[in-house]
């Protein structure tokens, strides 16, 4: 009995926080989405509106592209850093994780300095070709900003997982005549599968809901966080903003739940 009381005492603060700062605001937001002129039909309207669906498709596509590119880059870098010891390794790791210290607005500002109208790329291309190339305010610029923001988290996750891989499995594969790419395909990637699924889900969720970077760069791009912001602040359409927010959260939660289930099954199978 005393163990149950102790457990309840330990869990109750976290439970109270969950109820007060997550479930209650979520319920209020869901209710706000149904309190507009169209009532509950607001949720049906946003699911059938062409502009909202196009914005959702852009957001999902951008998040998916960011996730795939991040996993490719971070897997190579993370495994390399976990397997090799060399002069400057700690400095390189620190530089790779430096973006964690910056908010999304700062990341967007850095992309503007690199590829904006007066950025380095624009100035260089204007001097070389006479035509100024501006990427910062396009999908390419937003993609670079999301990538810059996502790689550090994934690199750290991959490094931690790669350090736990058993080198004996790779040696056994090589002794059986496996080529290097076969070792990567059949040993390293399956060993990292759980970490990659978890990191990819977090990367996708972050890209879906990123606002600071989108606010800085997406001046002419309708991604869902910017549509929600415009509906709430410029259009005073609180019901649509709440319903869109609920939709964004639901899609992201489903992706996280699927990835968590798949990652758990992978870990269980490996064990």
C-alpha atoms as a PDB file:
ATOM      1  CA  UNK A   1       0.000   0.000   0.000  1.00  0.00           C
ATOM      2  CA  UNK A   2       2.814   2.400   0.909  1.00  0.00           C
ATOM      3  CA  UNK A   3       4.457   1.709  -2.479  1.00  0.00           C
ATOM      4  CA  UNK A   4       1.263   2.729  -4.256  1.00  0.00           C
ATOM      5  CA  UNK A   5       1.020   5.905  -2.210  1.00  0.00           C
ATOM      6  CA  UNK A   6       4.630   6.727  -2.991  1.00  0.00           C
ATOM      7  CA  UNK A   7       4.092   6.034  -6.680  1.00  0.00           C
ATOM      8  CA  UNK A   8       0.967   8.198  -6.725  1.00  0.00           C
ATOM      9  CA  UNK A   9       2.841  11.017  -4.981  1.00  0.00           C
ATOM     10  CA  UNK A  10       5.611  10.841  -7.571  1.00  0.00           C
ATOM     11  CA  UNK A  11       3.287  10.649 -10.567  1.00  0.00           C
ATOM     12  CA  UNK A  12       0.724  13.234  -9.469  1.00  0.00           C
ATOM     13  CA  UNK A  13       2.819  16.366 -10.280  1.00  0.00           C
ATOM     14  CA  UNK A  14       3.456  15.131 -13.833  1.00  0.00           C
ATOM     15  CA  UNK A  15      -0.203  14.153 -14.209  1.00  0.00           C
ATOM     16  CA  UNK A  16      -1.368  17.545 -12.940  1.00  0.00           C
ATOM     17  CA  UNK A  17       0.978  19.290 -15.386  1.00  0.00           C
ATOM     18  CA  UNK A  18      -0.315  17.124 -18.233  1.00  0.00           C
ATOM     19  CA  UNK A  19      -3.930  17.910 -17.404  1.00  0.00           C
ATOM     20  CA  UNK A  20      -3.425  21.638 -16.849  1.00  0.00           C
ATOM     21  CA  UNK A  21      -1.031  22.513 -19.669  1.00  0.00           C
ATOM     22  CA  UNK A  22      -1.808  19.919 -22.349  1.00  0.00           C
ATOM     23  CA  UNK A  23      -5.199  18.238 -22.134  1.00  0.00           C
ATOM     24  CA  UNK A  24      -7.157  21.287 -20.971  1.00  0.00           C
ATOM     25  CA  UNK A  25      -5.735  23.647 -23.667  1.00  0.00           C
ATOM     26  CA  UNK A  26      -6.283  20.905 -26.252  1.00  0.00           C
ATOM     27  CA  UNK A  27      -9.936  20.547 -25.264  1.00  0.00           C
ATOM     28  CA  UNK A  28     -10.404  24.335 -25.270  1.00  0.00           C
ATOM     29  CA  UNK A  29      -8.850  24.539 -28.725  1.00  0.00           C
ATOM     30  CA  UNK A  30     -11.101  21.762 -30.035  1.00  0.00           C
ATOM     31  CA  UNK A  31     -14.133  23.590 -28.604  1.00  0.00           C
ATOM     32  CA  UNK A  32     -12.995  26.896 -30.126  1.00  0.00           C
ATOM     33  CA  UNK A  33     -12.902  25.234 -33.531  1.00  0.00           C
ATOM     34  CA  UNK A  34     -16.574  24.313 -33.167  1.00  0.00           C
ATOM     35  CA  UNK A  35     -17.748  27.712 -31.921  1.00  0.00           C
ATOM     36  CA  UNK A  36     -17.512  29.584 -35.212  1.00  0.00           C
ATOM     37  CA  UNK A  37     -20.425  30.534 -37.473  1.00  0.00           C
ATOM     38  CA  UNK A  38     -20.415  27.059 -39.039  1.00  0.00           C
ATOM     39  CA  UNK A  39     -20.209  25.209 -35.733  1.00  0.00           C
ATOM     40  CA  UNK A  40     -18.780  21.684 -35.859  1.00  0.00           C
ATOM     41  CA  UNK A  41     -18.939  21.896 -39.651  1.00  0.00           C
ATOM     42  CA  UNK A  42     -15.822  24.058 -39.451  1.00  0.00           C
ATOM     43  CA  UNK A  43     -13.802  20.852 -39.198  1.00  0.00           C
ATOM     44  CA  UNK A  44     -15.464  19.521 -42.341  1.00  0.00           C
ATOM     45  CA  UNK A  45     -14.886  22.837 -44.095  1.00  0.00           C
ATOM     46  CA  UNK A  46     -11.134  22.913 -43.448  1.00  0.00           C
ATOM     47  CA  UNK A  47     -10.858  19.299 -44.602  1.00  0.00           C
ATOM     48  CA  UNK A  48     -12.464  20.151 -47.943  1.00  0.00           C
ATOM     49  CA  UNK A  49     -11.239  23.706 -48.557  1.00  0.00           C
ATOM     50  CA  UNK A  50      -8.847  23.803 -51.531  1.00  0.00           C
ATOM     51  CA  UNK A  51      -6.523  26.418 -50.019  1.00  0.00           C
ATOM     52  CA  UNK A  52      -6.216  24.626 -46.697  1.00  0.00           C
ATOM     53  CA  UNK A  53      -5.628  21.258 -48.389  1.00  0.00           C
ATOM     54  CA  UNK A  54      -2.944  22.756 -50.633  1.00  0.00           C
ATOM     55  CA  UNK A  55      -1.275  24.304 -47.600  1.00  0.00           C
ATOM     56  CA  UNK A  56      -1.410  20.982 -45.781  1.00  0.00           C
ATOM     57  CA  UNK A  57       0.079  19.178 -48.789  1.00  0.00           C
ATOM     58  CA  UNK A  58       2.949  21.688 -49.000  1.00  0.00           C
ATOM     59  CA  UNK A  59       3.616  21.377 -45.293  1.00  0.00           C
ATOM     60  CA  UNK A  60       3.615  17.576 -45.320  1.00  0.00           C
ATOM     61  CA  UNK A  61       5.770  17.477 -48.464  1.00  0.00           C
ATOM     62  CA  UNK A  62       8.297  19.920 -47.041  1.00  0.00           C
ATOM     63  CA  UNK A  63       8.404  18.060 -43.717  1.00  0.00           C
ATOM     64  CA  UNK A  64       8.870  14.712 -45.503  1.00  0.00           C
ATOM     65  CA  UNK A  65      11.667  16.074 -47.720  1.00  0.00           C
ATOM     66  CA  UNK A  66      13.376  17.608 -44.692  1.00  0.00           C
ATOM     67  CA  UNK A  67      13.116  14.327 -42.798  1.00  0.00           C
ATOM     68  CA  UNK A  68      14.584  12.221 -45.621  1.00  0.00           C
ATOM     69  CA  UNK A  69      17.473  14.623 -46.260  1.00  0.00           C
ATOM     70  CA  UNK A  70      18.170  14.993 -42.547  1.00  0.00           C
ATOM     71  CA  UNK A  71      18.288  11.236 -42.002  1.00  0.00           C
ATOM     72  CA  UNK A  72      20.648  10.743 -44.950  1.00  0.00           C
ATOM     73  CA  UNK A  73      23.078  13.445 -43.832  1.00  0.00           C
ATOM     74  CA  UNK A  74      22.857  12.761 -40.093  1.00  0.00           C
ATOM     75  CA  UNK A  75      23.246   8.980 -40.474  1.00  0.00           C
ATOM     76  CA  UNK A  76      26.504   9.316 -42.403  1.00  0.00           C
ATOM     77  CA  UNK A  77      27.848  12.028 -40.091  1.00  0.00           C
ATOM     78  CA  UNK A  78      26.657  10.349 -36.882  1.00  0.00           C
ATOM     79  CA  UNK A  79      28.124   6.930 -37.688  1.00  0.00           C
ATOM     80  CA  UNK A  80      31.403   8.502 -38.809  1.00  0.00           C
ATOM     81  CA  UNK A  81      31.732  10.572 -35.627  1.00  0.00           C
ATOM     82  CA  UNK A  82      30.810   7.614 -33.433  1.00  0.00           C
ATOM     83  CA  UNK A  83      33.350   5.297 -35.091  1.00  0.00           C
ATOM     84  CA  UNK A  84      36.332   7.609 -35.539  1.00  0.00           C
ATOM     85  CA  UNK A  85      38.563   9.479 -33.120  1.00  0.00           C
ATOM     86  CA  UNK A  86      40.608  12.309 -34.595  1.00  0.00           C
ATOM     87  CA  UNK A  87      41.952  15.738 -33.737  1.00  0.00           C
ATOM     88  CA  UNK A  88      39.147  18.286 -33.766  1.00  0.00           C
ATOM     89  CA  UNK A  89      36.360  15.700 -33.391  1.00  0.00           C
ATOM     90  CA  UNK A  90      34.852  17.405 -30.349  1.00  0.00           C
ATOM     91  CA  UNK A  91      34.989  20.780 -32.068  1.00  0.00           C
ATOM     92  CA  UNK A  92      33.296  19.364 -35.170  1.00  0.00           C
ATOM     93  CA  UNK A  93      30.576  17.760 -33.043  1.00  0.00           C
ATOM     94  CA  UNK A  94      30.053  21.026 -31.192  1.00  0.00           C
ATOM     95  CA  UNK A  95      29.745  22.914 -34.499  1.00  0.00           C
ATOM     96  CA  UNK A  96      27.214  20.397 -35.815  1.00  0.00           C
ATOM     97  CA  UNK A  97      25.072  20.852 -32.718  1.00  0.00           C
ATOM     98  CA  UNK A  98      25.449  24.653 -32.608  1.00  0.00           C
ATOM     99  CA  UNK A  99      22.051  25.306 -34.279  1.00  0.00           C
ATOM    100  CA  UNK A 100      20.368  23.876 -31.173  1.00  0.00           C
ATOM    101  CA  UNK A 101      21.207  27.182 -29.480  1.00  0.00           C
ATOM    102  CA  UNK A 102      19.321  29.259 -32.077  1.00  0.00           C
ATOM    103  CA  UNK A 103      15.573  29.887 -32.294  1.00  0.00           C
ATOM    104  CA  UNK A 104      13.851  29.450 -35.639  1.00  0.00           C
ATOM    105  CA  UNK A 105      13.833  33.197 -36.361  1.00  0.00           C
ATOM    106  CA  UNK A 106      17.621  33.333 -36.085  1.00  0.00           C
ATOM    107  CA  UNK A 107      17.945  30.318 -38.383  1.00  0.00           C
ATOM    108  CA  UNK A 108      15.733  32.077 -40.924  1.00  0.00           C
ATOM    109  CA  UNK A 109      17.815  35.252 -40.619  1.00  0.00           C
ATOM    110  CA  UNK A 110      20.982  33.238 -41.287  1.00  0.00           C
ATOM    111  CA  UNK A 111      19.419  31.764 -44.442  1.00  0.00           C
ATOM    112  CA  UNK A 112      18.572  35.316 -45.579  1.00  0.00           C
ATOM    113  CA  UNK A 113      22.191  36.392 -45.023  1.00  0.00           C
ATOM    114  CA  UNK A 114      23.285  33.407 -47.102  1.00  0.00           C
ATOM    115  CA  UNK A 115      20.711  33.343 -49.902  1.00  0.00           C
ATOM    116  CA  UNK A 116      18.616  36.498 -49.558  1.00  0.00           C
ATOM    117  CA  UNK A 117      18.456  39.473 -51.901  1.00  0.00           C
ATOM    118  CA  UNK A 118      21.628  40.938 -50.415  1.00  0.00           C
ATOM    119  CA  UNK A 119      23.039  37.588 -49.321  1.00  0.00           C
ATOM    120  CA  UNK A 120      26.331  35.952 -50.190  1.00  0.00           C
ATOM    121  CA  UNK A 121      24.909  33.759 -52.964  1.00  0.00           C
ATOM    122  CA  UNK A 122      22.985  36.611 -54.563  1.00  0.00           C
ATOM    123  CA  UNK A 123      25.984  38.936 -54.482  1.00  0.00           C
ATOM    124  CA  UNK A 124      28.309  36.286 -55.902  1.00  0.00           C
ATOM    125  CA  UNK A 125      25.943  35.271 -58.728  1.00  0.00           C
ATOM    126  CA  UNK A 126      25.291  38.909 -59.601  1.00  0.00           C
ATOM    127  CA  UNK A 127      29.031  39.522 -59.893  1.00  0.00           C
ATOM    128  CA  UNK A 128      29.639  36.369 -61.953  1.00  0.00           C
ATOM    129  CA  UNK A 129      26.590  36.237 -64.206  1.00  0.00           C
ATOM    130  CA  UNK A 130      24.894  39.591 -63.850  1.00  0.00           C
ATOM    131  CA  UNK A 131      21.787  37.887 -62.462  1.00  0.00           C
ATOM    132  CA  UNK A 132      21.062  37.798 -58.746  1.00  0.00           C
ATOM    133  CA  UNK A 133      19.876  34.390 -57.550  1.00  0.00           C
ATOM    134  CA  UNK A 134      17.639  34.588 -54.468  1.00  0.00           C
ATOM    135  CA  UNK A 135      16.676  31.332 -52.746  1.00  0.00           C
ATOM    136  CA  UNK A 136      15.839  32.430 -49.218  1.00  0.00           C
ATOM    137  CA  UNK A 137      12.143  33.137 -49.764  1.00  0.00           C
ATOM    138  CA  UNK A 138      11.380  30.030 -51.815  1.00  0.00           C
ATOM    139  CA  UNK A 139      10.812  26.414 -50.843  1.00  0.00           C
ATOM    140  CA  UNK A 140      14.541  25.885 -51.312  1.00  0.00           C
ATOM    141  CA  UNK A 141      15.328  28.499 -48.657  1.00  0.00           C
ATOM    142  CA  UNK A 142      12.712  27.142 -46.277  1.00  0.00           C
ATOM    143  CA  UNK A 143      14.042  23.626 -46.862  1.00  0.00           C
ATOM    144  CA  UNK A 144      17.599  24.730 -46.023  1.00  0.00           C
ATOM    145  CA  UNK A 145      16.362  26.458 -42.872  1.00  0.00           C
ATOM    146  CA  UNK A 146      14.462  23.368 -41.709  1.00  0.00           C
ATOM    147  CA  UNK A 147      17.439  21.161 -42.572  1.00  0.00           C
ATOM    148  CA  UNK A 148      19.794  23.368 -40.584  1.00  0.00           C
ATOM    149  CA  UNK A 149      17.439  23.182 -37.637  1.00  0.00           C
ATOM    150  CA  UNK A 150      16.872  19.411 -37.827  1.00  0.00           C
ATOM    151  CA  UNK A 151      20.317  17.902 -38.446  1.00  0.00           C
ATOM    152  CA  UNK A 152      21.831  18.542 -34.958  1.00  0.00           C
ATOM    153  CA  UNK A 153      19.123  16.608 -33.095  1.00  0.00           C
ATOM    154  CA  UNK A 154      19.331  13.687 -35.471  1.00  0.00           C
ATOM    155  CA  UNK A 155      23.139  13.557 -35.457  1.00  0.00           C
ATOM    156  CA  UNK A 156      23.184  13.267 -31.665  1.00  0.00           C
ATOM    157  CA  UNK A 157      20.578  10.495 -31.734  1.00  0.00           C
ATOM    158  CA  UNK A 158      22.453   8.540 -34.408  1.00  0.00           C
ATOM    159  CA  UNK A 159      25.769   8.939 -32.598  1.00  0.00           C
ATOM    160  CA  UNK A 160      24.302   7.562 -29.376  1.00  0.00           C
ATOM    161  CA  UNK A 161      22.798   4.575 -31.217  1.00  0.00           C
ATOM    162  CA  UNK A 162      25.916   3.897 -33.320  1.00  0.00           C
ATOM    163  CA  UNK A 163      28.108   3.726 -30.228  1.00  0.00           C
ATOM    164  CA  UNK A 164      25.964   0.844 -28.934  1.00  0.00           C
ATOM    165  CA  UNK A 165      26.285  -1.306 -32.067  1.00  0.00           C
ATOM    166  CA  UNK A 166      28.217  -4.523 -31.581  1.00  0.00           C
ATOM    167  CA  UNK A 167      31.381  -4.472 -33.769  1.00  0.00           C
ATOM    168  CA  UNK A 168      31.474  -8.291 -33.613  1.00  0.00           C
ATOM    169  CA  UNK A 169      28.400  -8.448 -35.870  1.00  0.00           C
ATOM    170  CA  UNK A 170      30.164  -6.403 -38.530  1.00  0.00           C
ATOM    171  CA  UNK A 171      33.308  -8.527 -38.246  1.00  0.00           C
ATOM    172  CA  UNK A 172      31.202 -11.662 -38.625  1.00  0.00           C
ATOM    173  CA  UNK A 173      29.557 -10.269 -41.747  1.00  0.00           C
ATOM    174  CA  UNK A 174      32.921  -9.357 -43.273  1.00  0.00           C
ATOM    175  CA  UNK A 175      34.336 -12.789 -42.446  1.00  0.00           C
ATOM    176  CA  UNK A 176      31.442 -14.308 -44.380  1.00  0.00           C
ATOM    177  CA  UNK A 177      32.456 -12.319 -47.439  1.00  0.00           C
ATOM    178  CA  UNK A 178      30.030  -9.397 -47.171  1.00  0.00           C
ATOM    179  CA  UNK A 179      31.062  -6.235 -48.996  1.00  0.00           C
ATOM    180  CA  UNK A 180      31.130  -2.891 -47.183  1.00  0.00           C
ATOM    181  CA  UNK A 181      27.775  -1.806 -48.611  1.00  0.00           C
ATOM    182  CA  UNK A 182      26.258  -5.139 -47.566  1.00  0.00           C
ATOM    183  CA  UNK A 183      27.524  -4.635 -44.012  1.00  0.00           C
ATOM    184  CA  UNK A 184      25.880  -1.218 -43.999  1.00  0.00           C
ATOM    185  CA  UNK A 185      22.621  -2.590 -45.417  1.00  0.00           C
ATOM    186  CA  UNK A 186      22.375  -5.787 -43.366  1.00  0.00           C
ATOM    187  CA  UNK A 187      24.060  -4.871 -40.058  1.00  0.00           C
ATOM    188  CA  UNK A 188      24.457  -1.145 -39.428  1.00  0.00           C
ATOM    189  CA  UNK A 189      21.132   0.166 -40.733  1.00  0.00           C
ATOM    190  CA  UNK A 190      19.022  -2.548 -39.023  1.00  0.00           C
ATOM    191  CA  UNK A 191      20.884  -1.781 -35.800  1.00  0.00           C
ATOM    192  CA  UNK A 192      20.082   1.909 -36.174  1.00  0.00           C
ATOM    193  CA  UNK A 193      16.480   1.377 -37.322  1.00  0.00           C
ATOM    194  CA  UNK A 194      14.840   2.205 -33.999  1.00  0.00           C
ATOM    195  CA  UNK A 195      16.900   5.368 -33.540  1.00  0.00           C
ATOM    196  CA  UNK A 196      16.298   6.459 -37.139  1.00  0.00           C
ATOM    197  CA  UNK A 197      12.547   5.960 -36.822  1.00  0.00           C
ATOM    198  CA  UNK A 198      12.417   7.942 -33.591  1.00  0.00           C
ATOM    199  CA  UNK A 199      14.683  10.712 -34.878  1.00  0.00           C
ATOM    200  CA  UNK A 200      12.806  10.865 -38.177  1.00  0.00           C
ATOM    201  CA  UNK A 201       9.483  11.223 -36.390  1.00  0.00           C
ATOM    202  CA  UNK A 202      10.791  14.072 -34.246  1.00  0.00           C
ATOM    203  CA  UNK A 203      12.293  15.723 -37.327  1.00  0.00           C
ATOM    204  CA  UNK A 204       8.995  15.426 -39.217  1.00  0.00           C
ATOM    205  CA  UNK A 205       6.986  16.776 -36.280  1.00  0.00           C
ATOM    206  CA  UNK A 206       9.364  19.708 -35.841  1.00  0.00           C
ATOM    207  CA  UNK A 207       9.180  20.599 -39.533  1.00  0.00           C
ATOM    208  CA  UNK A 208       5.379  20.333 -39.521  1.00  0.00           C
ATOM    209  CA  UNK A 209       4.978  22.819 -36.702  1.00  0.00           C
ATOM    210  CA  UNK A 210       8.000  25.080 -37.201  1.00  0.00           C
ATOM    211  CA  UNK A 211       6.882  28.709 -37.062  1.00  0.00           C
ATOM    212  CA  UNK A 212       9.878  30.966 -36.435  1.00  0.00           C
ATOM    213  CA  UNK A 213      11.767  29.883 -39.551  1.00  0.00           C
ATOM    214  CA  UNK A 214       8.582  29.919 -41.655  1.00  0.00           C
ATOM    215  CA  UNK A 215       7.644  33.361 -40.327  1.00  0.00           C
ATOM    216  CA  UNK A 216      11.028  34.700 -41.441  1.00  0.00           C
ATOM    217  CA  UNK A 217      11.249  32.999 -44.832  1.00  0.00           C
ATOM    218  CA  UNK A 218       7.767  31.966 -46.017  1.00  0.00           C
ATOM    219  CA  UNK A 219       6.644  35.416 -47.169  1.00  0.00           C
ATOM    220  CA  UNK A 220       5.005  33.980 -50.302  1.00  0.00           C
ATOM    221  CA  UNK A 221       4.546  30.359 -49.248  1.00  0.00           C
ATOM    222  CA  UNK A 222       1.379  28.987 -47.669  1.00  0.00           C
ATOM    223  CA  UNK A 223       2.629  26.450 -45.141  1.00  0.00           C
ATOM    224  CA  UNK A 224       0.149  25.454 -42.455  1.00  0.00           C
ATOM    225  CA  UNK A 225       1.718  27.284 -39.473  1.00  0.00           C
ATOM    226  CA  UNK A 226       1.642  30.534 -41.470  1.00  0.00           C
ATOM    227  CA  UNK A 227      -1.964  29.930 -42.554  1.00  0.00           C
ATOM    228  CA  UNK A 228      -2.942  29.412 -38.909  1.00  0.00           C
ATOM    229  CA  UNK A 229      -1.122  32.600 -37.931  1.00  0.00           C
ATOM    230  CA  UNK A 230      -2.843  34.581 -40.693  1.00  0.00           C
ATOM    231  CA  UNK A 231      -6.291  33.255 -39.807  1.00  0.00           C
ATOM    232  CA  UNK A 232      -5.796  34.055 -36.136  1.00  0.00           C
ATOM    233  CA  UNK A 233      -4.134  37.474 -36.330  1.00  0.00           C
ATOM    234  CA  UNK A 234      -5.091  38.980 -39.686  1.00  0.00           C
ATOM    235  CA  UNK A 235      -8.479  37.409 -40.316  1.00  0.00           C
ATOM    236  CA  UNK A 236      -9.596  37.095 -36.679  1.00  0.00           C
ATOM    237  CA  UNK A 237     -11.002  33.715 -37.699  1.00  0.00           C
ATOM    238  CA  UNK A 238     -10.413  31.982 -34.394  1.00  0.00           C
ATOM    239  CA  UNK A 239     -12.558  28.954 -35.233  1.00  0.00           C
ATOM    240  CA  UNK A 240     -10.636  28.186 -38.444  1.00  0.00           C
ATOM    241  CA  UNK A 241      -7.297  28.774 -36.714  1.00  0.00           C
ATOM    242  CA  UNK A 242      -8.251  26.435 -33.879  1.00  0.00           C
ATOM    243  CA  UNK A 243      -9.539  23.747 -36.246  1.00  0.00           C
ATOM    244  CA  UNK A 244      -6.392  23.953 -38.392  1.00  0.00           C
ATOM    245  CA  UNK A 245      -4.250  23.773 -35.277  1.00  0.00           C
ATOM    246  CA  UNK A 246      -6.131  20.684 -34.152  1.00  0.00           C
ATOM    247  CA  UNK A 247      -5.665  19.126 -37.607  1.00  0.00           C
ATOM    248  CA  UNK A 248      -1.936  19.893 -37.588  1.00  0.00           C
ATOM    249  CA  UNK A 249      -1.554  18.435 -34.108  1.00  0.00           C
ATOM    250  CA  UNK A 250      -3.553  15.308 -34.998  1.00  0.00           C
ATOM    251  CA  UNK A 251      -1.477  14.527 -38.081  1.00  0.00           C
ATOM    252  CA  UNK A 252       1.782  15.080 -36.212  1.00  0.00           C
ATOM    253  CA  UNK A 253       0.609  12.964 -33.271  1.00  0.00           C
ATOM    254  CA  UNK A 254      -0.341  10.097 -35.587  1.00  0.00           C
ATOM    255  CA  UNK A 255       3.097  10.168 -37.221  1.00  0.00           C
ATOM    256  CA  UNK A 256       4.797  10.171 -33.817  1.00  0.00           C
ATOM    257  CA  UNK A 257       2.592   7.325 -32.556  1.00  0.00           C
ATOM    258  CA  UNK A 258       3.289   5.181 -35.627  1.00  0.00           C
ATOM    259  CA  UNK A 259       7.025   5.824 -35.391  1.00  0.00           C
ATOM    260  CA  UNK A 260       7.060   5.113 -31.663  1.00  0.00           C
ATOM    261  CA  UNK A 261       5.239   1.810 -32.227  1.00  0.00           C
ATOM    262  CA  UNK A 262       7.574   0.823 -35.062  1.00  0.00           C
ATOM    263  CA  UNK A 263      10.666   1.811 -33.076  1.00  0.00           C
ATOM    264  CA  UNK A 264       9.419  -0.161 -30.052  1.00  0.00           C
ATOM    265  CA  UNK A 265       8.770  -3.231 -32.186  1.00  0.00           C
ATOM    266  CA  UNK A 266      12.257  -2.914 -33.668  1.00  0.00           C
ATOM    267  CA  UNK A 267      13.866  -2.722 -30.256  1.00  0.00           C
ATOM    268  CA  UNK A 268      11.804  -5.658 -29.015  1.00  0.00           C
ATOM    269  CA  UNK A 269      12.759  -7.747 -32.052  1.00  0.00           C
ATOM    270  CA  UNK A 270      16.406  -6.886 -31.615  1.00  0.00           C
ATOM    271  CA  UNK A 271      16.270  -7.916 -27.980  1.00  0.00           C
END
